[in-house]
């Protein structure tokens, strides 16, 4: 994040991903936040911009579920890549990403009741 401490709408973060054999930075901005229940970020630069919304649902007094909705918006060449490649690759990557997240959460927080990915 571009600023330490509690985040608010408009805060930015820089993510670097390896795409096509090269490191590609992209900037995202907090689009909405209602801690601790919901928050979302939107990509603001580059040809492929992620739109990510997260929702925490209380299931019991000691367990919660996390729903992650991910989609993409294309700009320039990204308008072709999003429907042809990007969404398909994201669907393939998400199970491993969720498994890694579950492992990390369980290691630090105990049991996790539900992790769910909503596909575009």
C-alpha atoms as a PDB file:
ATOM      1  CA  UNK A   1       0.000   0.000   0.000  1.00  0.00           C
ATOM      2  CA  UNK A   2       1.181   3.523  -0.643  1.00  0.00           C
ATOM      3  CA  UNK A   3       0.416   4.612   2.913  1.00  0.00           C
ATOM      4  CA  UNK A   4       0.957   2.809   6.223  1.00  0.00           C
ATOM      5  CA  UNK A   5      -1.827   2.207   8.729  1.00  0.00           C
ATOM      6  CA  UNK A   6      -5.558   1.979   8.175  1.00  0.00           C
ATOM      7  CA  UNK A   7      -6.483   2.046   4.513  1.00  0.00           C
ATOM      8  CA  UNK A   8      -9.245   4.102   2.915  1.00  0.00           C
ATOM      9  CA  UNK A   9     -10.864   4.553  -0.471  1.00  0.00           C
ATOM     10  CA  UNK A  10      -8.271   5.854  -2.903  1.00  0.00           C
ATOM     11  CA  UNK A  11      -5.258   4.181  -1.264  1.00  0.00           C
ATOM     12  CA  UNK A  12      -3.015   2.583  -3.876  1.00  0.00           C
ATOM     13  CA  UNK A  13      -0.841  -0.494  -4.058  1.00  0.00           C
ATOM     14  CA  UNK A  14       1.695  -1.669  -6.616  1.00  0.00           C
ATOM     15  CA  UNK A  15       1.756  -5.340  -7.598  1.00  0.00           C
ATOM     16  CA  UNK A  16       4.376  -6.941  -9.825  1.00  0.00           C
ATOM     17  CA  UNK A  17       3.406 -10.138 -11.646  1.00  0.00           C
ATOM     18  CA  UNK A  18       5.379 -12.298 -14.000  1.00  0.00           C
ATOM     19  CA  UNK A  19       3.469 -12.305 -17.296  1.00  0.00           C
ATOM     20  CA  UNK A  20       4.810 -13.610 -20.566  1.00  0.00           C
ATOM     21  CA  UNK A  21       8.312 -13.998 -19.153  1.00  0.00           C
ATOM     22  CA  UNK A  22       8.585 -10.391 -17.956  1.00  0.00           C
ATOM     23  CA  UNK A  23       7.860  -8.621 -14.677  1.00  0.00           C
ATOM     24  CA  UNK A  24       4.881  -6.318 -15.120  1.00  0.00           C
ATOM     25  CA  UNK A  25       3.921  -3.767 -12.459  1.00  0.00           C
ATOM     26  CA  UNK A  26       0.303  -2.696 -12.054  1.00  0.00           C
ATOM     27  CA  UNK A  27      -1.307  -0.175  -9.748  1.00  0.00           C
ATOM     28  CA  UNK A  28      -4.589  -0.839  -7.961  1.00  0.00           C
ATOM     29  CA  UNK A  29      -6.726   1.487  -5.901  1.00  0.00           C
ATOM     30  CA  UNK A  30      -9.070   0.727  -3.001  1.00  0.00           C
ATOM     31  CA  UNK A  31     -12.521   1.282  -4.520  1.00  0.00           C
ATOM     32  CA  UNK A  32     -14.642   0.599  -1.454  1.00  0.00           C
ATOM     33  CA  UNK A  33     -14.032  -0.524   2.108  1.00  0.00           C
ATOM     34  CA  UNK A  34     -16.328  -1.436   4.988  1.00  0.00           C
ATOM     35  CA  UNK A  35     -14.036  -3.144   7.517  1.00  0.00           C
ATOM     36  CA  UNK A  36     -14.061  -5.898   8.393  1.00  0.00           C
ATOM     37  CA  UNK A  37     -16.854  -7.119   6.108  1.00  0.00           C
ATOM     38  CA  UNK A  38     -16.120  -5.946   2.570  1.00  0.00           C
ATOM     39  CA  UNK A  39     -13.506  -4.234   0.465  1.00  0.00           C
ATOM     40  CA  UNK A  40     -12.589  -4.021  -3.162  1.00  0.00           C
ATOM     41  CA  UNK A  41      -9.756  -2.878  -5.379  1.00  0.00           C
ATOM     42  CA  UNK A  42      -9.650  -1.847  -9.022  1.00  0.00           C
ATOM     43  CA  UNK A  43      -6.715  -1.763 -11.391  1.00  0.00           C
ATOM     44  CA  UNK A  44      -6.034   1.755 -12.643  1.00  0.00           C
ATOM     45  CA  UNK A  45      -3.282   1.275 -15.217  1.00  0.00           C
ATOM     46  CA  UNK A  46      -2.113  -1.106 -17.892  1.00  0.00           C
ATOM     47  CA  UNK A  47      -3.967  -2.997 -20.599  1.00  0.00           C
ATOM     48  CA  UNK A  48      -5.467  -5.559 -18.169  1.00  0.00           C
ATOM     49  CA  UNK A  49      -7.048  -4.217 -14.975  1.00  0.00           C
ATOM     50  CA  UNK A  50      -8.287  -6.481 -12.214  1.00  0.00           C
ATOM     51  CA  UNK A  51     -11.540  -5.834 -10.362  1.00  0.00           C
ATOM     52  CA  UNK A  52     -11.484  -7.679  -7.027  1.00  0.00           C
ATOM     53  CA  UNK A  53     -14.194  -7.679  -4.359  1.00  0.00           C
ATOM     54  CA  UNK A  54     -13.846  -9.511  -1.040  1.00  0.00           C
ATOM     55  CA  UNK A  55     -16.595 -10.310   1.446  1.00  0.00           C
ATOM     56  CA  UNK A  56     -16.168 -11.854   4.888  1.00  0.00           C
ATOM     57  CA  UNK A  57     -19.222 -13.744   6.123  1.00  0.00           C
ATOM     58  CA  UNK A  58     -19.574 -14.681   9.771  1.00  0.00           C
ATOM     59  CA  UNK A  59     -20.625 -18.339   9.902  1.00  0.00           C
ATOM     60  CA  UNK A  60     -20.405 -18.991  13.641  1.00  0.00           C
ATOM     61  CA  UNK A  61     -19.002 -17.166  16.657  1.00  0.00           C
ATOM     62  CA  UNK A  62     -15.522 -18.502  15.801  1.00  0.00           C
ATOM     63  CA  UNK A  63     -15.576 -19.118  12.040  1.00  0.00           C
ATOM     64  CA  UNK A  64     -15.893 -16.947   8.984  1.00  0.00           C
ATOM     65  CA  UNK A  65     -15.970 -17.467   5.265  1.00  0.00           C
ATOM     66  CA  UNK A  66     -14.239 -15.405   2.598  1.00  0.00           C
ATOM     67  CA  UNK A  67     -15.734 -14.830  -0.843  1.00  0.00           C
ATOM     68  CA  UNK A  68     -13.433 -13.450  -3.525  1.00  0.00           C
ATOM     69  CA  UNK A  69     -14.949 -12.140  -6.765  1.00  0.00           C
ATOM     70  CA  UNK A  70     -12.439 -11.447  -9.531  1.00  0.00           C
ATOM     71  CA  UNK A  71     -12.955 -10.036 -12.993  1.00  0.00           C
ATOM     72  CA  UNK A  72     -10.894  -8.075 -15.489  1.00  0.00           C
ATOM     73  CA  UNK A  73     -11.327  -5.036 -17.689  1.00  0.00           C
ATOM     74  CA  UNK A  74      -9.321  -4.654 -20.877  1.00  0.00           C
ATOM     75  CA  UNK A  75      -7.910  -1.448 -22.305  1.00  0.00           C
ATOM     76  CA  UNK A  76      -6.175  -1.280 -25.695  1.00  0.00           C
ATOM     77  CA  UNK A  77      -4.785  -4.754 -26.516  1.00  0.00           C
ATOM     78  CA  UNK A  78      -6.271  -5.923 -23.216  1.00  0.00           C
ATOM     79  CA  UNK A  79      -9.748  -5.754 -24.776  1.00  0.00           C
ATOM     80  CA  UNK A  80      -8.730  -8.755 -26.881  1.00  0.00           C
ATOM     81  CA  UNK A  81      -6.715 -10.548 -24.201  1.00  0.00           C
ATOM     82  CA  UNK A  82      -9.267 -10.461 -21.360  1.00  0.00           C
ATOM     83  CA  UNK A  83     -11.934 -12.648 -23.024  1.00  0.00           C
ATOM     84  CA  UNK A  84      -9.493 -14.844 -24.953  1.00  0.00           C
ATOM     85  CA  UNK A  85      -6.777 -15.541 -22.375  1.00  0.00           C
ATOM     86  CA  UNK A  86      -6.907 -13.672 -19.078  1.00  0.00           C
ATOM     87  CA  UNK A  87     -10.192 -14.966 -17.623  1.00  0.00           C
ATOM     88  CA  UNK A  88      -9.341 -18.557 -18.543  1.00  0.00           C
ATOM     89  CA  UNK A  89      -5.891 -18.302 -16.951  1.00  0.00           C
ATOM     90  CA  UNK A  90      -7.342 -16.707 -13.812  1.00  0.00           C
ATOM     91  CA  UNK A  91      -9.835 -19.582 -13.450  1.00  0.00           C
ATOM     92  CA  UNK A  92      -6.952 -22.056 -13.731  1.00  0.00           C
ATOM     93  CA  UNK A  93      -4.792 -20.194 -11.176  1.00  0.00           C
ATOM     94  CA  UNK A  94      -7.427 -19.557  -8.506  1.00  0.00           C
ATOM     95  CA  UNK A  95      -7.612 -23.062  -6.956  1.00  0.00           C
ATOM     96  CA  UNK A  96      -3.878 -22.993  -6.175  1.00  0.00           C
ATOM     97  CA  UNK A  97      -4.088 -19.377  -4.978  1.00  0.00           C
ATOM     98  CA  UNK A  98      -6.973 -20.259  -2.640  1.00  0.00           C
ATOM     99  CA  UNK A  99      -5.106 -23.317  -1.324  1.00  0.00           C
ATOM    100  CA  UNK A 100      -2.096 -21.117  -0.507  1.00  0.00           C
ATOM    101  CA  UNK A 101      -4.310 -18.529   1.170  1.00  0.00           C
ATOM    102  CA  UNK A 102      -6.118 -21.229   3.191  1.00  0.00           C
ATOM    103  CA  UNK A 103      -2.771 -22.666   4.340  1.00  0.00           C
ATOM    104  CA  UNK A 104      -1.511 -19.258   5.449  1.00  0.00           C
ATOM    105  CA  UNK A 105      -4.737 -18.360   7.231  1.00  0.00           C
ATOM    106  CA  UNK A 106      -4.923 -21.696   9.030  1.00  0.00           C
ATOM    107  CA  UNK A 107      -1.290 -21.408  10.096  1.00  0.00           C
ATOM    108  CA  UNK A 108      -1.871 -17.979  11.639  1.00  0.00           C
ATOM    109  CA  UNK A 109      -5.567 -17.958  12.575  1.00  0.00           C
ATOM    110  CA  UNK A 110      -6.721 -21.535  13.099  1.00  0.00           C
ATOM    111  CA  UNK A 111      -9.385 -23.258  11.039  1.00  0.00           C
ATOM    112  CA  UNK A 112     -11.036 -21.555   8.094  1.00  0.00           C
ATOM    113  CA  UNK A 113     -14.603 -22.491   7.298  1.00  0.00           C
ATOM    114  CA  UNK A 114     -14.978 -21.365   3.714  1.00  0.00           C
ATOM    115  CA  UNK A 115     -12.965 -19.850   0.884  1.00  0.00           C
ATOM    116  CA  UNK A 116     -14.973 -19.263  -2.257  1.00  0.00           C
ATOM    117  CA  UNK A 117     -14.039 -17.848  -5.650  1.00  0.00           C
ATOM    118  CA  UNK A 118     -16.718 -16.331  -7.838  1.00  0.00           C
ATOM    119  CA  UNK A 119     -15.814 -16.707 -11.471  1.00  0.00           C
ATOM    120  CA  UNK A 120     -16.367 -14.023 -14.089  1.00  0.00           C
END
